[in-house]
Amino acid sequence: MTNPFKSLALLTTVLVAFVQPWTAYGTEAREAGKSVMTAKKPVGIVWEKDLNTALRKARASGKPLLVDFYTDWCVWCKRLDQDVFAHPTINRQLKQRAVFLKVNPERSKQESAFSRMYTSGALPTVLVIKSDATGKLTVKGRIEQYLPPERFLTEILNFL
């Protein structure tokens, strides 16, 4: 059973986060004397592509690993990148909470094995994985489909 206060707080965070992002970005640009169209966008999520590097960073920082399993031909994986991971609210809410890893099971044997170990094969799949002091990896949450930004943020925040 979920705590209704936690759910309400999470919903409030998501709603506030999605009402404000474009307005705040435009205001900052205008205050800096720049056109909203020419102002620089904030730096987004930085994705690791190497599993070992991402695991080292996650262990060193104590942050969970957020893993995006994708392929180049997966239409919904591309939509997830364009609509969700590029969204300013998603970036602002998530980029300091995890180490981010992109895994393409078709790119290497290591990524293929990692994918087989942690997914059902459905794409896109996003996992939140925590590493303990011994190096054991535990899946804390899983999303095995495309979700629009608002729903994605609500779901993923439950796992972080």
C-alpha atoms as a PDB file:
ATOM      1  CA  MET A   1       0.000   0.000   0.000  1.00  0.00           C
ATOM      2  CA  THR A   2       1.405   3.399  -0.904  1.00  0.00           C
ATOM      3  CA  ASN A   3       1.527   6.342   1.421  1.00  0.00           C
ATOM      4  CA  PRO A   4      -1.098   8.888   0.203  1.00  0.00           C
ATOM      5  CA  PHE A   5       1.024  11.817   1.387  1.00  0.00           C
ATOM      6  CA  LYS A   6       4.047  10.606  -0.584  1.00  0.00           C
ATOM      7  CA  SER A   7       1.868  10.195  -3.681  1.00  0.00           C
ATOM      8  CA  LEU A   8       0.382  13.672  -3.222  1.00  0.00           C
ATOM      9  CA  ALA A   9       3.828  15.215  -2.740  1.00  0.00           C
ATOM     10  CA  LEU A  10       5.116  13.440  -5.835  1.00  0.00           C
ATOM     11  CA  LEU A  11       2.116  14.540  -7.905  1.00  0.00           C
ATOM     12  CA  THR A  12       2.565  18.135  -6.738  1.00  0.00           C
ATOM     13  CA  THR A  13       6.266  18.038  -7.662  1.00  0.00           C
ATOM     14  CA  VAL A  14       5.469  16.700 -11.122  1.00  0.00           C
ATOM     15  CA  LEU A  15       2.714  19.249 -11.763  1.00  0.00           C
ATOM     16  CA  VAL A  16       4.821  22.208 -10.655  1.00  0.00           C
ATOM     17  CA  ALA A  17       7.766  20.920 -12.651  1.00  0.00           C
ATOM     18  CA  PHE A  18       5.739  20.675 -15.862  1.00  0.00           C
ATOM     19  CA  VAL A  19       3.943  23.996 -15.537  1.00  0.00           C
ATOM     20  CA  GLN A  20       7.112  26.030 -15.076  1.00  0.00           C
ATOM     21  CA  PRO A  21       9.963  24.829 -17.348  1.00  0.00           C
ATOM     22  CA  TRP A  22       9.343  26.731 -20.565  1.00  0.00           C
ATOM     23  CA  THR A  23       8.261  29.881 -18.765  1.00  0.00           C
ATOM     24  CA  ALA A  24      11.354  29.906 -16.545  1.00  0.00           C
ATOM     25  CA  TYR A  25      13.657  29.249 -19.483  1.00  0.00           C
ATOM     26  CA  GLY A  26      12.129  32.111 -21.490  1.00  0.00           C
ATOM     27  CA  THR A  27      12.306  34.480 -18.514  1.00  0.00           C
ATOM     28  CA  GLU A  28      16.009  33.719 -17.932  1.00  0.00           C
ATOM     29  CA  ALA A  29      16.747  34.331 -21.608  1.00  0.00           C
ATOM     30  CA  ARG A  30      14.856  37.638 -21.727  1.00  0.00           C
ATOM     31  CA  GLU A  31      16.551  38.834 -18.507  1.00  0.00           C
ATOM     32  CA  ALA A  32      19.916  38.053 -20.074  1.00  0.00           C
ATOM     33  CA  GLY A  33      18.933  40.210 -23.069  1.00  0.00           C
ATOM     34  CA  LYS A  34      18.684  37.246 -25.440  1.00  0.00           C
ATOM     35  CA  SER A  35      15.848  36.142 -27.616  1.00  0.00           C
ATOM     36  CA  VAL A  36      14.141  33.014 -26.324  1.00  0.00           C
ATOM     37  CA  MET A  37      14.850  31.453 -29.713  1.00  0.00           C
ATOM     38  CA  THR A  38      18.614  32.113 -29.560  1.00  0.00           C
ATOM     39  CA  ALA A  39      19.303  31.538 -25.874  1.00  0.00           C
ATOM     40  CA  LYS A  40      21.383  28.455 -25.042  1.00  0.00           C
ATOM     41  CA  LYS A  41      19.429  25.506 -23.740  1.00  0.00           C
ATOM     42  CA  PRO A  42      20.553  24.036 -20.416  1.00  0.00           C
ATOM     43  CA  VAL A  43      22.911  21.066 -20.637  1.00  0.00           C
ATOM     44  CA  GLY A  44      20.926  17.850 -20.487  1.00  0.00           C
ATOM     45  CA  ILE A  45      21.536  14.392 -19.160  1.00  0.00           C
ATOM     46  CA  VAL A  46      25.031  13.063 -19.830  1.00  0.00           C
ATOM     47  CA  TRP A  47      24.835   9.429 -20.935  1.00  0.00           C
ATOM     48  CA  GLU A  48      27.616   6.929 -20.427  1.00  0.00           C
ATOM     49  CA  LYS A  49      27.980   4.314 -23.144  1.00  0.00           C
ATOM     50  CA  ASP A  50      30.437   2.081 -21.328  1.00  0.00           C
ATOM     51  CA  LEU A  51      28.963  -0.255 -18.705  1.00  0.00           C
ATOM     52  CA  ASN A  52      32.118  -0.505 -16.557  1.00  0.00           C
ATOM     53  CA  THR A  53      32.611   3.278 -16.493  1.00  0.00           C
ATOM     54  CA  ALA A  54      28.980   3.837 -15.500  1.00  0.00           C
ATOM     55  CA  LEU A  55      29.172   1.202 -12.758  1.00  0.00           C
ATOM     56  CA  ARG A  56      32.371   2.769 -11.348  1.00  0.00           C
ATOM     57  CA  LYS A  57      30.761   6.226 -11.334  1.00  0.00           C
ATOM     58  CA  ALA A  58      27.595   4.924  -9.687  1.00  0.00           C
ATOM     59  CA  ARG A  59      29.551   3.131  -6.951  1.00  0.00           C
ATOM     60  CA  ALA A  60      31.835   6.105  -6.340  1.00  0.00           C
ATOM     61  CA  SER A  61      28.942   8.586  -6.116  1.00  0.00           C
ATOM     62  CA  GLY A  62      26.525   6.303  -4.267  1.00  0.00           C
ATOM     63  CA  LYS A  63      23.899   7.139  -6.880  1.00  0.00           C
ATOM     64  CA  PRO A  64      21.732   4.572  -8.633  1.00  0.00           C
ATOM     65  CA  LEU A  65      22.290   3.689 -12.262  1.00  0.00           C
ATOM     66  CA  LEU A  66      19.498   4.675 -14.649  1.00  0.00           C
ATOM     67  CA  VAL A  67      19.844   2.407 -17.681  1.00  0.00           C
ATOM     68  CA  ASP A  68      18.108   3.027 -21.014  1.00  0.00           C
ATOM     69  CA  PHE A  69      18.026  -0.129 -23.167  1.00  0.00           C
ATOM     70  CA  TYR A  70      17.451   0.793 -26.815  1.00  0.00           C
ATOM     71  CA  THR A  71      18.262  -0.105 -30.399  1.00  0.00           C
ATOM     72  CA  ASP A  72      18.814   2.159 -33.380  1.00  0.00           C
ATOM     73  CA  TRP A  73      15.712   0.825 -35.170  1.00  0.00           C
ATOM     74  CA  CYS A  74      13.305   1.106 -32.204  1.00  0.00           C
ATOM     75  CA  VAL A  75      10.826   3.909 -32.945  1.00  0.00           C
ATOM     76  CA  TRP A  76       9.597   4.138 -29.341  1.00  0.00           C
ATOM     77  CA  CYS A  77      13.178   4.308 -28.083  1.00  0.00           C
ATOM     78  CA  LYS A  78      13.745   7.362 -30.294  1.00  0.00           C
ATOM     79  CA  ARG A  79      10.518   8.919 -29.024  1.00  0.00           C
ATOM     80  CA  LEU A  80      11.696   8.335 -25.451  1.00  0.00           C
ATOM     81  CA  ASP A  81      14.918  10.218 -26.256  1.00  0.00           C
ATOM     82  CA  GLN A  82      13.133  13.071 -28.034  1.00  0.00           C
ATOM     83  CA  ASP A  83      10.092  13.524 -25.817  1.00  0.00           C
ATOM     84  CA  VAL A  84      11.268  12.401 -22.393  1.00  0.00           C
ATOM     85  CA  PHE A  85      15.034  12.532 -21.944  1.00  0.00           C
ATOM     86  CA  ALA A  86      15.306  15.832 -23.840  1.00  0.00           C
ATOM     87  CA  HIS A  87      12.505  17.457 -21.806  1.00  0.00           C
ATOM     88  CA  PRO A  88      13.852  20.269 -19.601  1.00  0.00           C
ATOM     89  CA  THR A  89      11.836  19.166 -16.559  1.00  0.00           C
ATOM     90  CA  ILE A  90      13.078  15.583 -16.826  1.00  0.00           C
ATOM     91  CA  ASN A  91      16.630  16.897 -17.095  1.00  0.00           C
ATOM     92  CA  ARG A  92      16.249  19.209 -14.127  1.00  0.00           C
ATOM     93  CA  GLN A  93      14.576  16.598 -11.914  1.00  0.00           C
ATOM     94  CA  LEU A  94      16.815  13.642 -12.758  1.00  0.00           C
ATOM     95  CA  LYS A  95      20.311  14.650 -13.831  1.00  0.00           C
ATOM     96  CA  GLN A  96      21.706  14.972 -10.290  1.00  0.00           C
ATOM     97  CA  ARG A  97      19.946  11.870  -8.934  1.00  0.00           C
ATOM     98  CA  ALA A  98      21.577   9.083 -10.957  1.00  0.00           C
ATOM     99  CA  VAL A  99      24.363   7.978 -13.274  1.00  0.00           C
ATOM    100  CA  PHE A 100      22.932   7.464 -16.762  1.00  0.00           C
ATOM    101  CA  LEU A 101      23.825   4.595 -19.087  1.00  0.00           C
ATOM    102  CA  LYS A 102      22.629   3.823 -22.619  1.00  0.00           C
ATOM    103  CA  VAL A 103      22.768   0.141 -23.547  1.00  0.00           C
ATOM    104  CA  ASN A 104      22.271  -1.067 -27.107  1.00  0.00           C
ATOM    105  CA  PRO A 105      22.155  -4.880 -26.996  1.00  0.00           C
ATOM    106  CA  GLU A 106      23.105  -4.969 -30.679  1.00  0.00           C
ATOM    107  CA  ARG A 107      26.330  -2.984 -30.194  1.00  0.00           C
ATOM    108  CA  SER A 108      28.491  -5.480 -28.305  1.00  0.00           C
ATOM    109  CA  LYS A 109      28.514  -8.888 -26.646  1.00  0.00           C
ATOM    110  CA  GLN A 110      28.856  -7.278 -23.225  1.00  0.00           C
ATOM    111  CA  GLU A 111      25.788  -5.061 -23.769  1.00  0.00           C
ATOM    112  CA  SER A 112      23.843  -7.994 -25.200  1.00  0.00           C
ATOM    113  CA  ALA A 113      24.640 -10.134 -22.141  1.00  0.00           C
ATOM    114  CA  PHE A 114      23.766  -7.272 -19.768  1.00  0.00           C
ATOM    115  CA  SER A 115      20.469  -6.777 -21.595  1.00  0.00           C
ATOM    116  CA  ARG A 116      19.580 -10.480 -21.434  1.00  0.00           C
ATOM    117  CA  MET A 117      20.355 -10.499 -17.717  1.00  0.00           C
ATOM    118  CA  TYR A 118      18.193  -7.491 -16.808  1.00  0.00           C
ATOM    119  CA  THR A 119      15.412  -7.167 -19.417  1.00  0.00           C
ATOM    120  CA  SER A 120      12.678  -9.256 -20.961  1.00  0.00           C
ATOM    121  CA  GLY A 121      13.754  -8.045 -24.396  1.00  0.00           C
ATOM    122  CA  ALA A 122      11.027  -5.392 -24.591  1.00  0.00           C
ATOM    123  CA  LEU A 123      12.147  -2.012 -25.905  1.00  0.00           C
ATOM    124  CA  PRO A 124      12.404   0.599 -24.704  1.00  0.00           C
ATOM    125  CA  THR A 125      13.226  -0.524 -21.186  1.00  0.00           C
ATOM    126  CA  VAL A 126      14.486   1.813 -18.485  1.00  0.00           C
ATOM    127  CA  LEU A 127      15.857   0.361 -15.258  1.00  0.00           C
ATOM    128  CA  VAL A 128      16.980   1.896 -12.007  1.00  0.00           C
ATOM    129  CA  ILE A 129      19.746  -0.280 -10.580  1.00  0.00           C
ATOM    130  CA  LYS A 130      21.491   0.159  -7.246  1.00  0.00           C
ATOM    131  CA  SER A 131      24.921  -1.254  -6.478  1.00  0.00           C
ATOM    132  CA  ASP A 132      25.732  -2.246  -2.902  1.00  0.00           C
ATOM    133  CA  ALA A 133      29.153  -2.141  -1.221  1.00  0.00           C
ATOM    134  CA  THR A 134      29.983  -5.636  -2.486  1.00  0.00           C
ATOM    135  CA  GLY A 135      29.171  -4.685  -6.079  1.00  0.00           C
ATOM    136  CA  LYS A 136      25.916  -6.650  -6.208  1.00  0.00           C
ATOM    137  CA  LEU A 137      23.397  -5.004  -8.545  1.00  0.00           C
ATOM    138  CA  THR A 138      19.742  -4.810  -7.527  1.00  0.00           C
ATOM    139  CA  VAL A 139      16.937  -3.595  -9.789  1.00  0.00           C
ATOM    140  CA  LYS A 140      14.940  -0.960  -7.897  1.00  0.00           C
ATOM    141  CA  GLY A 141      12.496  -0.170 -10.694  1.00  0.00           C
ATOM    142  CA  ARG A 142      11.605  -0.939 -14.277  1.00  0.00           C
ATOM    143  CA  ILE A 143       9.648   0.763 -17.063  1.00  0.00           C
ATOM    144  CA  GLU A 144       9.203  -1.473 -20.115  1.00  0.00           C
ATOM    145  CA  GLN A 145       7.397   0.872 -22.470  1.00  0.00           C
ATOM    146  CA  TYR A 146       7.281   4.408 -23.739  1.00  0.00           C
ATOM    147  CA  LEU A 147       5.601   6.784 -21.310  1.00  0.00           C
ATOM    148  CA  PRO A 148       4.972  10.490 -21.946  1.00  0.00           C
ATOM    149  CA  PRO A 149       7.159  12.844 -19.890  1.00  0.00           C
ATOM    150  CA  GLU A 150       4.697  13.468 -17.040  1.00  0.00           C
ATOM    151  CA  ARG A 151       3.995   9.782 -16.448  1.00  0.00           C
ATOM    152  CA  PHE A 152       7.634   8.818 -16.917  1.00  0.00           C
ATOM    153  CA  LEU A 153       8.776  11.317 -14.286  1.00  0.00           C
ATOM    154  CA  THR A 154       6.131  10.178 -11.809  1.00  0.00           C
ATOM    155  CA  GLU A 155       7.116   6.532 -12.260  1.00  0.00           C
ATOM    156  CA  ILE A 156      10.891   6.982 -12.256  1.00  0.00           C
ATOM    157  CA  LEU A 157      10.894   9.208  -9.151  1.00  0.00           C
ATOM    158  CA  ASN A 158       9.298   6.326  -7.252  1.00  0.00           C
ATOM    159  CA  PHE A 159      12.441   4.272  -7.934  1.00  0.00           C
ATOM    160  CA  LEU A 160      15.143   6.871  -7.246  1.00  0.00           C
END
